[in-house]
Amino acid sequence: MAKQYDKTNSWNLFKVEEEERKSDSYPNYSGYINVDGTDYLLTGWLREGQKSGRKFIGGTIKLKDDAKAAANVQKSEEKEEIPF
């Protein structure tokens, strides 16, 4: 039996391979964070500071359930056929 781990207040961020990125606006990194038992989706882009030139990752955070709902809507819209 697999050992269960408490993922509360932890996060994972994974590199998105270049061949998986659909465009430059697609994130370089994605993953999940759990804050006090609530799951969120993390996305990150490689950026460079304008003044310092230092590289960093900037990104967004969304409720995981909201992200899944948005992905399902997008998939259903892609499957719709134009009625003419």
PDB file of N, CA and C in Angstrom:
ATOM      1  N   MET A   1       0.845  -1.180   0.000  1.00  0.00           N
ATOM      2  CA  MET A   1       0.000   0.000   0.000  1.00  0.00           C
ATOM      3  C   MET A   1       0.891   1.244   0.000  1.00  0.00           C
ATOM      4  N   ALA A   2       0.536   2.229  -0.847  1.00  0.00           N
ATOM      5  CA  ALA A   2       1.321   3.457  -0.957  1.00  0.00           C
ATOM      6  C   ALA A   2       1.174   4.313   0.292  1.00  0.00           C
ATOM      7  N   LYS A   3       2.274   4.895   0.696  1.00  0.00           N
ATOM      8  CA  LYS A   3       2.272   5.743   1.878  1.00  0.00           C
ATOM      9  C   LYS A   3       1.640   7.093   1.530  1.00  0.00           C
ATOM     10  N   GLN A   4       0.745   7.598   2.362  1.00  0.00           N
ATOM     11  CA  GLN A   4       0.075   8.878   2.149  1.00  0.00           C
ATOM     12  C   GLN A   4       0.886   9.989   2.795  1.00  0.00           C
ATOM     13  N   TYR A   5       1.068  11.089   2.060  1.00  0.00           N
ATOM     14  CA  TYR A   5       1.805  12.232   2.568  1.00  0.00           C
ATOM     15  C   TYR A   5       0.863  13.420   2.719  1.00  0.00           C
ATOM     16  N   ASP A   6       1.109  14.220   3.725  1.00  0.00           N
ATOM     17  CA  ASP A   6       0.341  15.440   3.928  1.00  0.00           C
ATOM     18  C   ASP A   6       0.921  16.523   3.023  1.00  0.00           C
ATOM     19  N   LYS A   7       0.150  16.979   2.045  1.00  0.00           N
ATOM     20  CA  LYS A   7       0.612  17.975   1.085  1.00  0.00           C
ATOM     21  C   LYS A   7       0.200  19.391   1.483  1.00  0.00           C
ATOM     22  N   THR A   8      -0.352  19.546   2.687  1.00  0.00           N
ATOM     23  CA  THR A   8      -0.777  20.862   3.149  1.00  0.00           C
ATOM     24  C   THR A   8       0.425  21.793   3.233  1.00  0.00           C
ATOM     25  N   ASN A   9       0.242  23.014   2.731  1.00  0.00           N
ATOM     26  CA  ASN A   9       1.265  24.062   2.759  1.00  0.00           C
ATOM     27  C   ASN A   9       2.557  23.640   2.055  1.00  0.00           C
ATOM     28  N   SER A  10       2.408  22.990   0.919  1.00  0.00           N
ATOM     29  CA  SER A  10       3.558  22.609   0.108  1.00  0.00           C
ATOM     30  C   SER A  10       3.269  22.938  -1.353  1.00  0.00           C
ATOM     31  N   TRP A  11       4.311  22.917  -2.176  1.00  0.00           N
ATOM     32  CA  TRP A  11       4.128  23.215  -3.595  1.00  0.00           C
ATOM     33  C   TRP A  11       5.118  22.452  -4.452  1.00  0.00           C
ATOM     34  N   ASN A  12       4.768  22.328  -5.737  1.00  0.00           N
ATOM     35  CA  ASN A  12       5.618  21.715  -6.757  1.00  0.00           C
ATOM     36  C   ASN A  12       5.526  22.583  -7.997  1.00  0.00           C
ATOM     37  N   LEU A  13       6.651  22.795  -8.642  1.00  0.00           N
ATOM     38  CA  LEU A  13       6.689  23.575  -9.871  1.00  0.00           C
ATOM     39  C   LEU A  13       7.545  22.803 -10.872  1.00  0.00           C
ATOM     40  N   PHE A  14       6.992  22.558 -12.055  1.00  0.00           N
ATOM     41  CA  PHE A  14       7.652  21.731 -13.059  1.00  0.00           C
ATOM     42  C   PHE A  14       7.939  22.548 -14.315  1.00  0.00           C
ATOM     43  N   LYS A  15       9.079  22.275 -14.935  1.00  0.00           N
ATOM     44  CA  LYS A  15       9.431  22.944 -16.184  1.00  0.00           C
ATOM     45  C   LYS A  15       8.560  22.397 -17.310  1.00  0.00           C
ATOM     46  N   VAL A  16       8.006  23.289 -18.120  1.00  0.00           N
ATOM     47  CA  VAL A  16       7.237  22.909 -19.300  1.00  0.00           C
ATOM     48  C   VAL A  16       8.244  22.828 -20.446  1.00  0.00           C
ATOM     49  N   GLU A  17       8.340  21.675 -21.069  1.00  0.00           N
ATOM     50  CA  GLU A  17       9.304  21.473 -22.154  1.00  0.00           C
ATOM     51  C   GLU A  17       8.942  22.374 -23.336  1.00  0.00           C
ATOM     52  N   GLU A  18       9.958  22.843 -24.040  1.00  0.00           N
ATOM     53  CA  GLU A  18       9.757  23.777 -25.156  1.00  0.00           C
ATOM     54  C   GLU A  18       8.779  23.240 -26.202  1.00  0.00           C
ATOM     55  N   GLU A  19       8.856  21.936 -26.488  1.00  0.00           N
ATOM     56  CA  GLU A  19       7.954  21.376 -27.505  1.00  0.00           C
ATOM     57  C   GLU A  19       6.496  21.337 -27.035  1.00  0.00           C
ATOM     58  N   GLU A  20       6.260  21.467 -25.724  1.00  0.00           N
ATOM     59  CA  GLU A  20       4.899  21.475 -25.188  1.00  0.00           C
ATOM     60  C   GLU A  20       4.307  22.882 -25.131  1.00  0.00           C
ATOM     61  N   ARG A  21       5.167  23.903 -25.213  1.00  0.00           N
ATOM     62  CA  ARG A  21       4.700  25.282 -25.172  1.00  0.00           C
ATOM     63  C   ARG A  21       4.075  25.630 -26.518  1.00  0.00           C
ATOM     64  N   LYS A  22       2.851  26.125 -26.498  1.00  0.00           N
ATOM     65  CA  LYS A  22       2.112  26.423 -27.722  1.00  0.00           C
ATOM     66  C   LYS A  22       2.509  27.767 -28.318  1.00  0.00           C
ATOM     67  N   SER A  23       2.998  28.684 -27.477  1.00  0.00           N
ATOM     68  CA  SER A  23       3.443  30.003 -27.918  1.00  0.00           C
ATOM     69  C   SER A  23       4.302  30.612 -26.812  1.00  0.00           C
ATOM     70  N   ASP A  24       4.845  31.799 -27.065  1.00  0.00           N
ATOM     71  CA  ASP A  24       5.654  32.466 -26.049  1.00  0.00           C
ATOM     72  C   ASP A  24       4.823  32.896 -24.848  1.00  0.00           C
ATOM     73  N   SER A  25       3.514  33.027 -25.032  1.00  0.00           N
ATOM     74  CA  SER A  25       2.657  33.422 -23.913  1.00  0.00           C
ATOM     75  C   SER A  25       2.330  32.233 -22.999  1.00  0.00           C
ATOM     76  N   TYR A  26       2.655  31.025 -23.438  1.00  0.00           N
ATOM     77  CA  TYR A  26       2.442  29.823 -22.633  1.00  0.00           C
ATOM     78  C   TYR A  26       3.506  29.764 -21.544  1.00  0.00           C
ATOM     79  N   PRO A  27       3.164  29.389 -20.306  1.00  0.00           N
ATOM     80  CA  PRO A  27       4.135  29.441 -19.211  1.00  0.00           C
ATOM     81  C   PRO A  27       5.321  28.495 -19.399  1.00  0.00           C
ATOM     82  N   ASN A  28       6.459  28.897 -18.821  1.00  0.00           N
ATOM     83  CA  ASN A  28       7.663  28.064 -18.819  1.00  0.00           C
ATOM     84  C   ASN A  28       7.603  27.016 -17.713  1.00  0.00           C
ATOM     85  N   TYR A  29       6.832  27.298 -16.667  1.00  0.00           N
ATOM     86  CA  TYR A  29       6.705  26.404 -15.517  1.00  0.00           C
ATOM     87  C   TYR A  29       5.244  26.322 -15.109  1.00  0.00           C
ATOM     88  N   SER A  30       4.840  25.159 -14.590  1.00  0.00           N
ATOM     89  CA  SER A  30       3.494  25.025 -14.034  1.00  0.00           C
ATOM     90  C   SER A  30       3.537  24.006 -12.904  1.00  0.00           C
ATOM     91  N   GLY A  31       2.584  24.115 -12.015  1.00  0.00           N
ATOM     92  CA  GLY A  31       2.540  23.204 -10.886  1.00  0.00           C
ATOM     93  C   GLY A  31       1.386  23.540  -9.963  1.00  0.00           C
ATOM     94  N   TYR A  32       1.485  23.045  -8.735  1.00  0.00           N
ATOM     95  CA  TYR A  32       0.408  23.208  -7.768  1.00  0.00           C
ATOM     96  C   TYR A  32       0.962  23.650  -6.427  1.00  0.00           C
ATOM     97  N   ILE A  33       0.138  24.373  -5.697  1.00  0.00           N
ATOM     98  CA  ILE A  33       0.462  24.765  -4.331  1.00  0.00           C
ATOM     99  C   ILE A  33      -0.760  24.493  -3.474  1.00  0.00           C
ATOM    100  N   ASN A  34      -0.532  24.068  -2.242  1.00  0.00           N
ATOM    101  CA  ASN A  34      -1.621  23.841  -1.300  1.00  0.00           C
ATOM    102  C   ASN A  34      -1.407  24.793  -0.132  1.00  0.00           C
ATOM    103  N   VAL A  35      -2.400  25.630   0.130  1.00  0.00           N
ATOM    104  CA  VAL A  35      -2.333  26.581   1.236  1.00  0.00           C
ATOM    105  C   VAL A  35      -3.496  26.288   2.173  1.00  0.00           C
ATOM    106  N   ASP A  36      -3.177  25.868   3.364  1.00  0.00           N
ATOM    107  CA  ASP A  36      -4.193  25.547   4.385  1.00  0.00           C
ATOM    108  C   ASP A  36      -5.279  24.616   3.859  1.00  0.00           C
ATOM    109  N   GLY A  37      -4.879  23.636   3.029  1.00  0.00           N
ATOM    110  CA  GLY A  37      -5.812  22.631   2.534  1.00  0.00           C
ATOM    111  C   GLY A  37      -6.512  22.986   1.232  1.00  0.00           C
ATOM    112  N   THR A  38      -6.263  24.170   0.672  1.00  0.00           N
ATOM    113  CA  THR A  38      -6.870  24.582  -0.590  1.00  0.00           C
ATOM    114  C   THR A  38      -5.834  24.478  -1.692  1.00  0.00           C
ATOM    115  N   ASP A  39      -6.186  23.813  -2.804  1.00  0.00           N
ATOM    116  CA  ASP A  39      -5.265  23.613  -3.920  1.00  0.00           C
ATOM    117  C   ASP A  39      -5.373  24.754  -4.929  1.00  0.00           C
ATOM    118  N   TYR A  40      -4.209  25.205  -5.409  1.00  0.00           N
ATOM    119  CA  TYR A  40      -4.115  26.251  -6.412  1.00  0.00           C
ATOM    120  C   TYR A  40      -3.211  25.786  -7.538  1.00  0.00           C
ATOM    121  N   LEU A  41      -3.434  26.326  -8.734  1.00  0.00           N
ATOM    122  CA  LEU A  41      -2.584  26.078  -9.889  1.00  0.00           C
ATOM    123  C   LEU A  41      -1.589  27.223  -9.991  1.00  0.00           C
ATOM    124  N   LEU A  42      -0.299  26.895 -10.140  1.00  0.00           N
ATOM    125  CA  LEU A  42       0.754  27.884 -10.323  1.00  0.00           C
ATOM    126  C   LEU A  42       1.220  27.865 -11.774  1.00  0.00           C
ATOM    127  N   THR A  43       1.453  29.023 -12.355  1.00  0.00           N
ATOM    128  CA  THR A  43       2.086  29.115 -13.661  1.00  0.00           C
ATOM    129  C   THR A  43       3.177  30.169 -13.569  1.00  0.00           C
ATOM    130  N   GLY A  44       4.295  29.931 -14.248  1.00  0.00           N
ATOM    131  CA  GLY A  44       5.413  30.862 -14.166  1.00  0.00           C
ATOM    132  C   GLY A  44       6.098  31.069 -15.502  1.00  0.00           C
ATOM    133  N   TRP A  45       6.588  32.293 -15.695  1.00  0.00           N
ATOM    134  CA  TRP A  45       7.301  32.672 -16.896  1.00  0.00           C
ATOM    135  C   TRP A  45       8.691  33.154 -16.520  1.00  0.00           C
ATOM    136  N   LEU A  46       9.679  32.799 -17.329  1.00  0.00           N
ATOM    137  CA  LEU A  46      11.031  33.310 -17.124  1.00  0.00           C
ATOM    138  C   LEU A  46      11.042  34.779 -17.531  1.00  0.00           C
ATOM    139  N   ARG A  47      11.579  35.623 -16.655  1.00  0.00           N
ATOM    140  CA  ARG A  47      11.619  37.066 -16.923  1.00  0.00           C
ATOM    141  C   ARG A  47      12.996  37.601 -16.561  1.00  0.00           C
ATOM    142  N   GLU A  48      13.225  38.840 -16.958  1.00  0.00           N
ATOM    143  CA  GLU A  48      14.484  39.498 -16.646  1.00  0.00           C
ATOM    144  C   GLU A  48      14.191  40.908 -16.161  1.00  0.00           C
ATOM    145  N   GLY A  49      14.811  41.286 -15.038  1.00  0.00           N
ATOM    146  CA  GLY A  49      14.604  42.616 -14.473  1.00  0.00           C
ATOM    147  C   GLY A  49      15.095  43.695 -15.427  1.00  0.00           C
ATOM    148  N   GLN A  50      14.293  44.759 -15.585  1.00  0.00           N
ATOM    149  CA  GLN A  50      14.652  45.822 -16.528  1.00  0.00           C
ATOM    150  C   GLN A  50      15.913  46.562 -16.097  1.00  0.00           C
ATOM    151  N   LYS A  51      16.037  46.851 -14.818  1.00  0.00           N
ATOM    152  CA  LYS A  51      17.198  47.615 -14.337  1.00  0.00           C
ATOM    153  C   LYS A  51      18.359  46.706 -13.967  1.00  0.00           C
ATOM    154  N   SER A  52      18.063  45.621 -13.251  1.00  0.00           N
ATOM    155  CA  SER A  52      19.140  44.759 -12.742  1.00  0.00           C
ATOM    156  C   SER A  52      19.622  43.741 -13.763  1.00  0.00           C
ATOM    157  N   GLY A  53      18.753  43.355 -14.692  1.00  0.00           N
ATOM    158  CA  GLY A  53      19.097  42.312 -15.649  1.00  0.00           C
ATOM    159  C   GLY A  53      19.082  40.924 -15.034  1.00  0.00           C
ATOM    160  N   ARG A  54      18.694  40.841 -13.761  1.00  0.00           N
ATOM    161  CA  ARG A  54      18.644  39.539 -13.081  1.00  0.00           C
ATOM    162  C   ARG A  54      17.437  38.748 -13.553  1.00  0.00           C
ATOM    163  N   LYS A  55      17.632  37.451 -13.742  1.00  0.00           N
ATOM    164  CA  LYS A  55      16.539  36.574 -14.169  1.00  0.00           C
ATOM    165  C   LYS A  55      15.728  36.127 -12.965  1.00  0.00           C
ATOM    166  N   PHE A  56      14.420  35.973 -13.182  1.00  0.00           N
ATOM    167  CA  PHE A  56      13.515  35.508 -12.141  1.00  0.00           C
ATOM    168  C   PHE A  56      12.304  34.844 -12.777  1.00  0.00           C
ATOM    169  N   ILE A  57      11.496  34.215 -11.952  1.00  0.00           N
ATOM    170  CA  ILE A  57      10.241  33.617 -12.418  1.00  0.00           C
ATOM    171  C   ILE A  57       9.104  34.440 -11.832  1.00  0.00           C
ATOM    172  N   GLY A  58       8.237  34.941 -12.693  1.00  0.00           N
ATOM    173  CA  GLY A  58       7.032  35.649 -12.278  1.00  0.00           C
ATOM    174  C   GLY A  58       5.844  34.847 -12.765  1.00  0.00           C
ATOM    175  N   GLY A  59       4.720  34.926 -12.069  1.00  0.00           N
ATOM    176  CA  GLY A  59       3.614  34.102 -12.521  1.00  0.00           C
ATOM    177  C   GLY A  59       2.280  34.433 -11.925  1.00  0.00           C
ATOM    178  N   THR A  60       1.379  33.468 -12.062  1.00  0.00           N
ATOM    179  CA  THR A  60       0.006  33.617 -11.589  1.00  0.00           C
ATOM    180  C   THR A  60      -0.358  32.450 -10.683  1.00  0.00           C
ATOM    181  N   ILE A  61      -1.423  32.650  -9.941  1.00  0.00           N
ATOM    182  CA  ILE A  61      -1.978  31.611  -9.088  1.00  0.00           C
ATOM    183  C   ILE A  61      -3.498  31.654  -9.245  1.00  0.00           C
ATOM    184  N   LYS A  62      -4.113  30.486  -9.426  1.00  0.00           N
ATOM    185  CA  LYS A  62      -5.571  30.368  -9.569  1.00  0.00           C
ATOM    186  C   LYS A  62      -6.036  29.181  -8.755  1.00  0.00           C
ATOM    187  N   LEU A  63      -7.263  29.253  -8.274  1.00  0.00           N
ATOM    188  CA  LEU A  63      -7.841  28.088  -7.616  1.00  0.00           C
ATOM    189  C   LEU A  63      -7.803  26.915  -8.575  1.00  0.00           C
ATOM    190  N   LYS A  64      -7.401  25.758  -8.111  1.00  0.00           N
ATOM    191  CA  LYS A  64      -7.272  24.583  -8.972  1.00  0.00           C
ATOM    192  C   LYS A  64      -8.600  24.224  -9.624  1.00  0.00           C
ATOM    193  N   ASP A  65      -9.697  24.291  -8.888  1.00  0.00           N
ATOM    194  CA  ASP A  65     -11.009  23.960  -9.445  1.00  0.00           C
ATOM    195  C   ASP A  65     -11.401  24.943 -10.544  1.00  0.00           C
ATOM    196  N   ASP A  66     -11.081  26.229 -10.386  1.00  0.00           N
ATOM    197  CA  ASP A  66     -11.375  27.226 -11.413  1.00  0.00           C
ATOM    198  C   ASP A  66     -10.572  26.946 -12.678  1.00  0.00           C
ATOM    199  N   ALA A  67      -9.326  26.538 -12.523  1.00  0.00           N
ATOM    200  CA  ALA A  67      -8.466  26.230 -13.665  1.00  0.00           C
ATOM    201  C   ALA A  67      -9.005  25.023 -14.428  1.00  0.00           C
ATOM    202  N   LYS A  68      -9.459  24.001 -13.710  1.00  0.00           N
ATOM    203  CA  LYS A  68     -10.030  22.824 -14.370  1.00  0.00           C
ATOM    204  C   LYS A  68     -11.295  23.194 -15.124  1.00  0.00           C
ATOM    205  N   ALA A  69     -12.142  24.021 -14.523  1.00  0.00           N
ATOM    206  CA  ALA A  69     -13.379  24.437 -15.171  1.00  0.00           C
ATOM    207  C   ALA A  69     -13.081  25.222 -16.444  1.00  0.00           C
ATOM    208  N   ALA A  70     -12.088  26.120 -16.397  1.00  0.00           N
ATOM    209  CA  ALA A  70     -11.710  26.903 -17.572  1.00  0.00           C
ATOM    210  C   ALA A  70     -11.174  26.002 -18.672  1.00  0.00           C
ATOM    211  N   ALA A  71     -10.381  24.998 -18.320  1.00  0.00           N
ATOM    212  CA  ALA A  71      -9.833  24.067 -19.312  1.00  0.00           C
ATOM    213  C   ALA A  71     -10.954  23.258 -19.951  1.00  0.00           C
ATOM    214  N   ASN A  72     -11.943  22.842 -19.163  1.00  0.00           N
ATOM    215  CA  ASN A  72     -13.068  22.069 -19.708  1.00  0.00           C
ATOM    216  C   ASN A  72     -13.891  22.911 -20.666  1.00  0.00           C
ATOM    217  N   VAL A  73     -14.099  24.185 -20.353  1.00  0.00           N
ATOM    218  CA  VAL A  73     -14.849  25.074 -21.239  1.00  0.00           C
ATOM    219  C   VAL A  73     -14.092  25.246 -22.545  1.00  0.00           C
ATOM    220  N   GLN A  74     -12.782  25.437 -22.456  1.00  0.00           N
ATOM    221  CA  GLN A  74     -11.970  25.619 -23.655  1.00  0.00           C
ATOM    222  C   GLN A  74     -12.022  24.371 -24.530  1.00  0.00           C
ATOM    223  N   LYS A  75     -11.927  23.189 -23.926  1.00  0.00           N
ATOM    224  CA  LYS A  75     -11.978  21.938 -24.692  1.00  0.00           C
ATOM    225  C   LYS A  75     -13.325  21.775 -25.376  1.00  0.00           C
ATOM    226  N   SER A  76     -14.422  22.107 -24.671  1.00  0.00           N
ATOM    227  CA  SER A  76     -15.744  21.951 -25.273  1.00  0.00           C
ATOM    228  C   SER A  76     -15.938  22.952 -26.404  1.00  0.00           C
ATOM    229  N   GLU A  77     -15.364  24.165 -26.284  1.00  0.00           N
ATOM    230  CA  GLU A  77     -15.463  25.138 -27.346  1.00  0.00           C
ATOM    231  C   GLU A  77     -14.682  24.693 -28.560  1.00  0.00           C
ATOM    232  N   GLU A  78     -13.556  24.032 -28.366  1.00  0.00           N
ATOM    233  CA  GLU A  78     -12.754  23.537 -29.482  1.00  0.00           C
ATOM    234  C   GLU A  78     -13.485  22.427 -30.230  1.00  0.00           C
ATOM    235  N   LYS A  79     -14.325  21.673 -29.551  1.00  0.00           N
ATOM    236  CA  LYS A  79     -15.029  20.558 -30.179  1.00  0.00           C
ATOM    237  C   LYS A  79     -16.286  21.017 -30.916  1.00  0.00           C
ATOM    238  N   GLU A  80     -16.800  22.213 -30.582  1.00  0.00           N
ATOM    239  CA  GLU A  80     -18.010  22.707 -31.241  1.00  0.00           C
ATOM    240  C   GLU A  80     -17.731  22.932 -32.720  1.00  0.00           C
ATOM    241  N   GLU A  81     -18.701  22.568 -33.534  1.00  0.00           N
ATOM    242  CA  GLU A  81     -18.576  22.785 -34.958  1.00  0.00           C
ATOM    243  C   GLU A  81     -19.376  24.018 -35.343  1.00  0.00           C
ATOM    244  N   ILE A  82     -18.887  24.705 -36.343  1.00  0.00           N
ATOM    245  CA  ILE A  82     -19.606  25.871 -36.845  1.00  0.00           C
ATOM    246  C   ILE A  82     -20.790  25.378 -37.661  1.00  0.00           C
ATOM    247  N   PRO A  83     -22.021  25.875 -37.334  1.00  0.00           N
ATOM    248  CA  PRO A  83     -23.233  25.311 -37.954  1.00  0.00           C
ATOM    249  C   PRO A  83     -23.544  25.809 -39.360  1.00  0.00           C
ATOM    250  N   PHE A  84     -22.547  25.887 -40.254  1.00  0.00           N
ATOM    251  CA  PHE A  84     -22.844  26.243 -41.628  1.00  0.00           C
ATOM    252  C   PHE A  84     -21.904  25.596 -42.586  1.00  0.00           C
TER     253      PHE A  84
END
